Amino acid sequence: MNTWVEAYSHAPINTTLPKQEIIQHIKNAEVVLASSLSRTTNSLAIIGVEPTEKNSLFDEVALPEAKGTWLKLSSKTWLVLLRLMMLAGFGKKSKVYTEVKQRATEASEYLIDLANKHESIALLGHGGMNFLIGKELKAKGFKCTQKGGGNSNWSYKIYS
């Protein structure tokens, strides 16, 4: 699984364009934020957008490293298992849930600060961290006013 995660992190991205509606939301944003991981900037590049800022606050939640090859599971099962382990704080390279939650809190506060200065912000990030940031924004009184794409690539949520 560790090899699979490493390969995924460096694999070329799917160059299928998102819906025009999503492209316009991103292109019309005053500020375009991206995680520091190459997958986000590569995704923005296929729609012709350069991020205003890359920030590791928005990087995906790290998976704990699993040692050993005795347990054979599908990659999907490993992802679920490793996410659960991460939430429980297991694994040498895992981020304890409280640390991950703190990063999501900092990210949400940063987004709120930017929202007070700019009319619109687009954030291109990763599913796990986006989910946690969304929870923090809701806890701070923001509402998800529009969403699309479920949990697939190029899915989106708009908070007001």
N, C-alpha and C. Protein backbone atom coordinates (compact mmCIF):
# COMPACT_ATOMS: atom_id res chain seq x y z
N MET A 1 0.82 -1.20 0.00
CA MET A 1 0.00 0.00 0.00
C MET A 1 0.86 1.26 0.00
N ASN A 2 1.96 1.21 0.74
CA ASN A 2 2.85 2.38 0.77
C ASN A 2 3.37 2.71 -0.62
N THR A 3 3.73 1.67 -1.38
CA THR A 3 4.21 1.85 -2.74
C THR A 3 3.10 2.45 -3.61
N TRP A 4 1.87 1.96 -3.41
CA TRP A 4 0.73 2.46 -4.19
C TRP A 4 0.50 3.96 -3.90
N VAL A 5 0.54 4.35 -2.61
CA VAL A 5 0.34 5.76 -2.24
C VAL A 5 1.43 6.63 -2.84
N GLU A 6 2.67 6.17 -2.77
CA GLU A 6 3.79 6.92 -3.36
C GLU A 6 3.61 7.06 -4.87
N ALA A 7 3.25 5.99 -5.53
CA ALA A 7 3.04 6.03 -6.98
C ALA A 7 1.88 6.97 -7.33
N TYR A 8 0.81 6.92 -6.56
CA TYR A 8 -0.35 7.79 -6.79
C TYR A 8 0.06 9.26 -6.67
N SER A 9 0.87 9.57 -5.66
CA SER A 9 1.29 10.95 -5.43
C SER A 9 2.08 11.52 -6.60
N HIS A 10 2.77 10.65 -7.35
CA HIS A 10 3.59 11.12 -8.44
C HIS A 10 3.01 10.77 -9.82
N ALA A 11 1.87 10.15 -9.83
CA ALA A 11 1.26 9.75 -11.11
C ALA A 11 0.73 10.97 -11.84
N PRO A 12 0.69 10.89 -13.16
CA PRO A 12 0.08 11.98 -13.93
C PRO A 12 -1.41 12.08 -13.56
N ILE A 13 -1.92 13.28 -13.63
CA ILE A 13 -3.33 13.48 -13.30
C ILE A 13 -4.20 13.18 -14.50
N ASN A 14 -5.47 12.94 -14.23
CA ASN A 14 -6.45 12.76 -15.29
C ASN A 14 -6.66 14.13 -15.92
N THR A 15 -6.49 14.23 -17.21
CA THR A 15 -6.58 15.53 -17.89
C THR A 15 -7.97 15.83 -18.43
N THR A 16 -8.95 15.04 -18.01
CA THR A 16 -10.33 15.33 -18.41
C THR A 16 -10.75 16.63 -17.76
N LEU A 17 -11.25 17.54 -18.55
CA LEU A 17 -11.66 18.84 -18.02
C LEU A 17 -12.92 18.70 -17.16
N PRO A 18 -13.01 19.51 -16.12
CA PRO A 18 -14.24 19.53 -15.32
C PRO A 18 -15.34 20.26 -16.08
N LYS A 19 -16.53 20.26 -15.50
CA LYS A 19 -17.64 20.99 -16.10
C LYS A 19 -17.27 22.47 -16.22
N GLN A 20 -17.81 23.11 -17.23
CA GLN A 20 -17.53 24.53 -17.48
C GLN A 20 -17.90 25.37 -16.26
N GLU A 21 -18.95 25.00 -15.57
CA GLU A 21 -19.39 25.73 -14.37
C GLU A 21 -18.26 25.78 -13.32
N ILE A 22 -17.56 24.69 -13.14
CA ILE A 22 -16.48 24.64 -12.16
C ILE A 22 -15.30 25.49 -12.63
N ILE A 23 -14.98 25.39 -13.90
CA ILE A 23 -13.89 26.20 -14.46
C ILE A 23 -14.19 27.67 -14.23
N GLN A 24 -15.43 28.09 -14.50
CA GLN A 24 -15.78 29.50 -14.33
C GLN A 24 -15.70 29.95 -12.87
N HIS A 25 -16.14 29.10 -11.94
CA HIS A 25 -16.02 29.44 -10.52
C HIS A 25 -14.55 29.72 -10.16
N ILE A 26 -13.67 28.85 -10.64
CA ILE A 26 -12.25 29.01 -10.32
C ILE A 26 -11.67 30.23 -11.01
N LYS A 27 -11.95 30.40 -12.30
CA LYS A 27 -11.39 31.53 -13.04
C LYS A 27 -11.93 32.87 -12.55
N ASN A 28 -13.14 32.89 -12.03
CA ASN A 28 -13.73 34.15 -11.55
C ASN A 28 -13.33 34.50 -10.13
N ALA A 29 -12.69 33.60 -9.43
CA ALA A 29 -12.29 33.86 -8.04
C ALA A 29 -11.18 34.91 -7.99
N GLU A 30 -11.29 35.80 -7.01
CA GLU A 30 -10.23 36.80 -6.81
C GLU A 30 -8.94 36.16 -6.35
N VAL A 31 -9.07 35.12 -5.51
CA VAL A 31 -7.92 34.42 -4.95
C VAL A 31 -8.11 32.93 -5.24
N VAL A 32 -7.07 32.30 -5.79
CA VAL A 32 -7.10 30.87 -6.04
C VAL A 32 -6.01 30.22 -5.19
N LEU A 33 -6.45 29.43 -4.22
CA LEU A 33 -5.54 28.73 -3.32
C LEU A 33 -5.40 27.28 -3.75
N ALA A 34 -4.22 26.72 -3.51
CA ALA A 34 -3.99 25.31 -3.81
C ALA A 34 -3.14 24.71 -2.71
N SER A 35 -3.30 23.42 -2.51
CA SER A 35 -2.40 22.73 -1.59
C SER A 35 -1.00 22.80 -2.19
N SER A 36 0.00 22.43 -1.41
CA SER A 36 1.37 22.47 -1.92
C SER A 36 1.71 21.22 -2.73
N LEU A 37 0.78 20.27 -2.81
CA LEU A 37 1.03 19.03 -3.54
C LEU A 37 0.85 19.25 -5.04
N SER A 38 1.71 18.62 -5.83
CA SER A 38 1.74 18.87 -7.27
C SER A 38 0.44 18.52 -7.97
N ARG A 39 -0.34 17.59 -7.44
CA ARG A 39 -1.59 17.20 -8.10
C ARG A 39 -2.54 18.40 -8.23
N THR A 40 -2.52 19.29 -7.26
CA THR A 40 -3.44 20.44 -7.34
C THR A 40 -2.98 21.46 -8.37
N THR A 41 -1.70 21.79 -8.36
CA THR A 41 -1.24 22.77 -9.34
C THR A 41 -1.30 22.19 -10.76
N ASN A 42 -1.07 20.89 -10.90
CA ASN A 42 -1.21 20.26 -12.21
C ASN A 42 -2.67 20.30 -12.67
N SER A 43 -3.59 20.10 -11.75
CA SER A 43 -5.02 20.17 -12.09
C SER A 43 -5.39 21.58 -12.52
N LEU A 44 -4.91 22.58 -11.80
CA LEU A 44 -5.19 23.96 -12.19
C LEU A 44 -4.59 24.29 -13.56
N ALA A 45 -3.42 23.74 -13.83
CA ALA A 45 -2.75 24.02 -15.11
C ALA A 45 -3.58 23.54 -16.30
N ILE A 46 -4.30 22.43 -16.15
CA ILE A 46 -5.07 21.94 -17.31
C ILE A 46 -6.26 22.84 -17.63
N ILE A 47 -6.64 23.69 -16.68
CA ILE A 47 -7.70 24.66 -17.00
C ILE A 47 -7.13 26.07 -17.19
N GLY A 48 -5.80 26.17 -17.19
CA GLY A 48 -5.14 27.44 -17.47
C GLY A 48 -5.16 28.43 -16.33
N VAL A 49 -5.09 27.94 -15.10
CA VAL A 49 -5.10 28.83 -13.94
C VAL A 49 -3.84 28.62 -13.11
N GLU A 50 -3.21 29.71 -12.75
CA GLU A 50 -2.05 29.69 -11.86
C GLU A 50 -2.56 30.05 -10.47
N PRO A 51 -2.25 29.25 -9.45
CA PRO A 51 -2.74 29.59 -8.11
C PRO A 51 -2.12 30.89 -7.59
N THR A 52 -2.92 31.64 -6.87
CA THR A 52 -2.42 32.83 -6.20
C THR A 52 -1.43 32.43 -5.11
N GLU A 53 -1.73 31.31 -4.47
CA GLU A 53 -0.90 30.83 -3.36
C GLU A 53 -0.99 29.31 -3.25
N LYS A 54 0.15 28.68 -2.98
CA LYS A 54 0.20 27.27 -2.61
C LYS A 54 0.47 27.22 -1.12
N ASN A 55 -0.27 26.38 -0.39
CA ASN A 55 -0.14 26.38 1.06
C ASN A 55 -0.31 24.96 1.59
N SER A 56 0.62 24.49 2.39
CA SER A 56 0.57 23.14 2.93
C SER A 56 -0.55 22.95 3.95
N LEU A 57 -1.17 24.04 4.42
CA LEU A 57 -2.35 23.90 5.29
C LEU A 57 -3.44 23.07 4.61
N PHE A 58 -3.48 23.13 3.28
CA PHE A 58 -4.54 22.47 2.53
C PHE A 58 -4.14 21.10 1.99
N ASP A 59 -2.93 20.64 2.33
CA ASP A 59 -2.48 19.32 1.87
C ASP A 59 -3.36 18.22 2.43
N GLU A 60 -3.42 17.11 1.71
CA GLU A 60 -4.24 15.98 2.13
C GLU A 60 -3.75 15.43 3.47
N VAL A 61 -4.67 14.86 4.19
CA VAL A 61 -4.36 14.21 5.46
C VAL A 61 -3.49 12.99 5.13
N ALA A 62 -2.34 12.90 5.80
CA ALA A 62 -1.41 11.79 5.53
C ALA A 62 -1.97 10.47 6.05
N LEU A 63 -1.68 9.43 5.32
CA LEU A 63 -2.04 8.08 5.78
C LEU A 63 -0.91 7.54 6.64
N PRO A 64 -1.25 6.76 7.66
CA PRO A 64 -0.18 6.11 8.42
C PRO A 64 0.54 5.10 7.53
N GLU A 65 1.79 4.89 7.82
CA GLU A 65 2.56 3.93 7.02
C GLU A 65 2.34 2.53 7.57
N ALA A 66 1.96 1.62 6.70
CA ALA A 66 1.74 0.23 7.11
C ALA A 66 2.97 -0.59 6.74
N LYS A 67 3.51 -1.30 7.71
CA LYS A 67 4.68 -2.15 7.47
C LYS A 67 4.24 -3.59 7.31
N GLY A 68 4.98 -4.33 6.51
CA GLY A 68 4.70 -5.76 6.36
C GLY A 68 3.92 -6.05 5.10
N THR A 69 4.07 -7.25 4.62
CA THR A 69 3.38 -7.66 3.40
C THR A 69 2.51 -8.89 3.63
N TRP A 70 2.32 -9.29 4.88
CA TRP A 70 1.58 -10.51 5.17
C TRP A 70 0.08 -10.34 4.96
N LEU A 71 -0.43 -9.13 5.06
CA LEU A 71 -1.85 -8.89 4.91
C LEU A 71 -2.14 -8.34 3.52
N LYS A 72 -2.86 -9.09 2.71
CA LYS A 72 -3.17 -8.68 1.33
C LYS A 72 -4.61 -8.17 1.28
N LEU A 73 -4.74 -6.89 0.99
CA LEU A 73 -6.06 -6.26 0.87
C LEU A 73 -6.09 -5.42 -0.40
N SER A 74 -7.27 -5.12 -0.88
CA SER A 74 -7.39 -4.23 -2.04
C SER A 74 -6.97 -2.82 -1.61
N SER A 75 -6.59 -1.99 -2.58
CA SER A 75 -6.19 -0.63 -2.25
C SER A 75 -7.32 0.15 -1.59
N LYS A 76 -8.55 -0.08 -2.03
CA LYS A 76 -9.70 0.61 -1.44
C LYS A 76 -9.86 0.22 0.04
N THR A 77 -9.71 -1.07 0.34
CA THR A 77 -9.80 -1.53 1.73
C THR A 77 -8.66 -0.95 2.56
N TRP A 78 -7.44 -0.94 2.00
CA TRP A 78 -6.32 -0.35 2.70
C TRP A 78 -6.58 1.12 3.01
N LEU A 79 -7.11 1.87 2.04
CA LEU A 79 -7.37 3.29 2.26
C LEU A 79 -8.32 3.49 3.43
N VAL A 80 -9.39 2.72 3.47
CA VAL A 80 -10.36 2.83 4.58
C VAL A 80 -9.68 2.46 5.90
N LEU A 81 -8.98 1.34 5.91
CA LEU A 81 -8.31 0.88 7.12
C LEU A 81 -7.28 1.90 7.62
N LEU A 82 -6.47 2.42 6.71
CA LEU A 82 -5.44 3.38 7.10
C LEU A 82 -6.03 4.70 7.56
N ARG A 83 -7.13 5.13 6.94
CA ARG A 83 -7.81 6.36 7.41
C ARG A 83 -8.32 6.17 8.84
N LEU A 84 -8.92 5.01 9.09
CA LEU A 84 -9.39 4.72 10.45
C LEU A 84 -8.24 4.69 11.44
N MET A 85 -7.12 4.10 11.02
CA MET A 85 -5.93 4.08 11.88
C MET A 85 -5.44 5.50 12.16
N MET A 86 -5.44 6.34 11.12
CA MET A 86 -5.01 7.73 11.29
C MET A 86 -5.90 8.45 12.29
N LEU A 87 -7.21 8.27 12.15
CA LEU A 87 -8.14 8.93 13.07
C LEU A 87 -7.94 8.47 14.51
N ALA A 88 -7.49 7.23 14.66
CA ALA A 88 -7.23 6.69 15.99
C ALA A 88 -5.82 7.01 16.48
N GLY A 89 -4.97 7.60 15.61
CA GLY A 89 -3.63 7.99 16.01
C GLY A 89 -2.58 6.92 15.86
N PHE A 90 -2.86 5.84 15.13
CA PHE A 90 -1.89 4.76 14.95
C PHE A 90 -0.99 5.03 13.76
N GLY A 91 0.17 4.42 13.75
CA GLY A 91 1.09 4.49 12.62
C GLY A 91 2.20 5.49 12.87
N LYS A 92 3.41 5.13 12.51
CA LYS A 92 4.58 5.98 12.77
C LYS A 92 4.49 7.35 12.11
N LYS A 93 3.96 7.40 10.88
CA LYS A 93 3.91 8.68 10.17
C LYS A 93 2.52 9.31 10.21
N SER A 94 1.63 8.75 11.00
CA SER A 94 0.28 9.30 11.02
C SER A 94 0.24 10.62 11.77
N LYS A 95 -0.70 11.44 11.41
CA LYS A 95 -0.95 12.65 12.17
C LYS A 95 -2.10 12.32 13.10
N VAL A 96 -1.87 12.53 14.36
CA VAL A 96 -2.92 12.29 15.34
C VAL A 96 -4.10 13.18 14.97
N TYR A 97 -5.31 12.65 15.17
CA TYR A 97 -6.50 13.38 14.75
C TYR A 97 -6.52 14.81 15.27
N THR A 98 -6.09 15.02 16.52
CA THR A 98 -6.11 16.39 17.07
C THR A 98 -5.19 17.32 16.29
N GLU A 99 -4.05 16.81 15.80
CA GLU A 99 -3.14 17.63 14.99
C GLU A 99 -3.77 17.95 13.64
N VAL A 100 -4.41 16.96 13.04
CA VAL A 100 -5.07 17.18 11.75
C VAL A 100 -6.22 18.17 11.92
N LYS A 101 -6.98 18.00 12.98
CA LYS A 101 -8.08 18.92 13.26
C LYS A 101 -7.55 20.34 13.48
N GLN A 102 -6.42 20.47 14.15
CA GLN A 102 -5.82 21.79 14.36
C GLN A 102 -5.45 22.44 13.03
N ARG A 103 -4.90 21.65 12.12
CA ARG A 103 -4.56 22.18 10.79
C ARG A 103 -5.82 22.62 10.05
N ALA A 104 -6.89 21.83 10.17
CA ALA A 104 -8.16 22.21 9.54
C ALA A 104 -8.71 23.50 10.16
N THR A 105 -8.56 23.63 11.46
CA THR A 105 -9.00 24.87 12.14
C THR A 105 -8.20 26.06 11.63
N GLU A 106 -6.88 25.91 11.55
CA GLU A 106 -6.04 26.99 11.03
C GLU A 106 -6.40 27.33 9.59
N ALA A 107 -6.64 26.31 8.78
CA ALA A 107 -7.01 26.53 7.38
C ALA A 107 -8.34 27.28 7.28
N SER A 108 -9.32 26.88 8.10
CA SER A 108 -10.62 27.56 8.06
C SER A 108 -10.48 29.02 8.50
N GLU A 109 -9.68 29.28 9.52
CA GLU A 109 -9.47 30.66 9.99
C GLU A 109 -8.78 31.50 8.92
N TYR A 110 -7.83 30.88 8.21
CA TYR A 110 -7.16 31.57 7.12
C TYR A 110 -8.14 31.90 6.00
N LEU A 111 -9.00 30.94 5.66
CA LEU A 111 -10.00 31.18 4.62
C LEU A 111 -10.97 32.29 5.03
N ILE A 112 -11.37 32.29 6.29
CA ILE A 112 -12.29 33.33 6.78
C ILE A 112 -11.62 34.70 6.71
N ASP A 113 -10.35 34.77 7.09
CA ASP A 113 -9.61 36.03 7.00
C ASP A 113 -9.57 36.53 5.56
N LEU A 114 -9.30 35.62 4.63
CA LEU A 114 -9.29 36.01 3.21
C LEU A 114 -10.68 36.41 2.73
N ALA A 115 -11.71 35.71 3.21
CA ALA A 115 -13.09 36.03 2.81
C ALA A 115 -13.50 37.41 3.28
N ASN A 116 -12.92 37.88 4.36
CA ASN A 116 -13.21 39.23 4.84
C ASN A 116 -12.54 40.30 3.98
N LYS A 117 -11.58 39.90 3.17
CA LYS A 117 -10.83 40.85 2.33
C LYS A 117 -11.17 40.73 0.85
N HIS A 118 -11.71 39.59 0.44
CA HIS A 118 -11.97 39.33 -0.98
C HIS A 118 -13.39 38.82 -1.17
N GLU A 119 -13.95 39.13 -2.33
CA GLU A 119 -15.32 38.72 -2.62
C GLU A 119 -15.45 37.22 -2.85
N SER A 120 -14.43 36.63 -3.49
CA SER A 120 -14.52 35.19 -3.77
C SER A 120 -13.14 34.54 -3.72
N ILE A 121 -13.15 33.31 -3.21
CA ILE A 121 -11.92 32.52 -3.06
C ILE A 121 -12.21 31.13 -3.59
N ALA A 122 -11.27 30.57 -4.32
CA ALA A 122 -11.37 29.18 -4.74
C ALA A 122 -10.22 28.42 -4.08
N LEU A 123 -10.52 27.27 -3.56
CA LEU A 123 -9.50 26.41 -2.95
C LEU A 123 -9.51 25.07 -3.67
N LEU A 124 -8.38 24.71 -4.24
CA LEU A 124 -8.25 23.39 -4.84
C LEU A 124 -7.41 22.56 -3.87
N GLY A 125 -8.05 21.58 -3.26
CA GLY A 125 -7.38 20.77 -2.26
C GLY A 125 -7.69 19.30 -2.43
N HIS A 126 -7.82 18.62 -1.31
CA HIS A 126 -7.95 17.16 -1.31
C HIS A 126 -9.11 16.77 -0.39
N GLY A 127 -9.76 15.65 -0.75
CA GLY A 127 -10.99 15.22 -0.11
C GLY A 127 -11.00 15.20 1.40
N GLY A 128 -10.04 14.52 2.02
CA GLY A 128 -10.04 14.40 3.48
C GLY A 128 -9.90 15.73 4.17
N MET A 129 -8.94 16.54 3.73
CA MET A 129 -8.74 17.84 4.37
C MET A 129 -9.89 18.79 4.03
N ASN A 130 -10.39 18.75 2.80
CA ASN A 130 -11.53 19.60 2.45
C ASN A 130 -12.73 19.29 3.33
N PHE A 131 -12.95 18.01 3.61
CA PHE A 131 -14.06 17.60 4.48
C PHE A 131 -13.89 18.21 5.87
N LEU A 132 -12.69 18.13 6.43
CA LEU A 132 -12.45 18.67 7.77
C LEU A 132 -12.53 20.19 7.80
N ILE A 133 -12.04 20.84 6.76
CA ILE A 133 -12.15 22.31 6.67
C ILE A 133 -13.63 22.70 6.59
N GLY A 134 -14.40 21.97 5.80
CA GLY A 134 -15.84 22.24 5.69
C GLY A 134 -16.54 22.13 7.04
N LYS A 135 -16.19 21.11 7.82
CA LYS A 135 -16.77 20.96 9.16
C LYS A 135 -16.44 22.18 10.03
N GLU A 136 -15.21 22.65 9.93
CA GLU A 136 -14.79 23.82 10.72
C GLU A 136 -15.53 25.08 10.27
N LEU A 137 -15.69 25.26 8.97
CA LEU A 137 -16.42 26.42 8.46
C LEU A 137 -17.87 26.40 8.94
N LYS A 138 -18.50 25.24 8.89
CA LYS A 138 -19.88 25.12 9.37
C LYS A 138 -19.96 25.44 10.86
N ALA A 139 -19.00 24.98 11.64
CA ALA A 139 -18.98 25.25 13.08
C ALA A 139 -18.82 26.75 13.36
N LYS A 140 -18.25 27.47 12.41
CA LYS A 140 -18.04 28.92 12.56
C LYS A 140 -19.17 29.73 11.92
N GLY A 141 -20.27 29.05 11.53
CA GLY A 141 -21.44 29.75 11.04
C GLY A 141 -21.59 29.82 9.52
N PHE A 142 -20.66 29.27 8.77
CA PHE A 142 -20.79 29.27 7.32
C PHE A 142 -21.76 28.16 6.91
N LYS A 143 -22.41 28.37 5.78
CA LYS A 143 -23.34 27.37 5.24
C LYS A 143 -22.87 26.97 3.85
N CYS A 144 -23.01 25.68 3.56
CA CYS A 144 -22.74 25.19 2.21
C CYS A 144 -23.97 25.54 1.38
N THR A 145 -23.81 26.47 0.44
CA THR A 145 -24.94 26.97 -0.34
C THR A 145 -25.08 26.29 -1.70
N GLN A 146 -24.03 25.60 -2.11
CA GLN A 146 -24.08 24.92 -3.40
C GLN A 146 -23.01 23.83 -3.40
N LYS A 147 -23.34 22.70 -4.02
CA LYS A 147 -22.33 21.63 -4.15
C LYS A 147 -22.64 20.79 -5.38
N GLY A 148 -21.60 20.13 -5.84
CA GLY A 148 -21.78 19.27 -7.00
C GLY A 148 -20.63 18.28 -7.13
N GLY A 149 -20.92 17.16 -7.76
CA GLY A 149 -19.89 16.18 -8.04
C GLY A 149 -19.66 15.14 -6.97
N GLY A 150 -20.43 15.19 -5.89
CA GLY A 150 -20.26 14.19 -4.82
C GLY A 150 -18.87 14.24 -4.23
N ASN A 151 -18.18 13.10 -4.24
CA ASN A 151 -16.81 13.02 -3.73
C ASN A 151 -15.81 12.73 -4.84
N SER A 152 -16.21 12.96 -6.07
CA SER A 152 -15.33 12.66 -7.19
C SER A 152 -14.34 13.80 -7.42
N ASN A 153 -13.37 13.56 -8.32
CA ASN A 153 -12.46 14.64 -8.70
C ASN A 153 -13.29 15.78 -9.27
N TRP A 154 -12.86 16.98 -9.00
CA TRP A 154 -13.51 18.20 -9.44
C TRP A 154 -14.87 18.43 -8.79
N SER A 155 -15.17 17.72 -7.71
CA SER A 155 -16.39 18.05 -6.99
C SER A 155 -16.16 19.39 -6.27
N TYR A 156 -17.22 20.04 -5.89
CA TYR A 156 -17.04 21.36 -5.26
C TYR A 156 -18.14 21.61 -4.23
N LYS A 157 -17.84 22.56 -3.35
CA LYS A 157 -18.80 23.10 -2.40
C LYS A 157 -18.56 24.59 -2.31
N ILE A 158 -19.63 25.33 -2.22
CA ILE A 158 -19.53 26.78 -2.07
C ILE A 158 -20.09 27.13 -0.70
N TYR A 159 -19.28 27.85 0.09
CA TYR A 159 -19.68 28.26 1.43
C TYR A 159 -19.90 29.76 1.46
N SER A 160 -20.92 30.17 2.19
CA SER A 160 -21.22 31.61 2.36
C SER A 160 -21.43 31.89 3.83
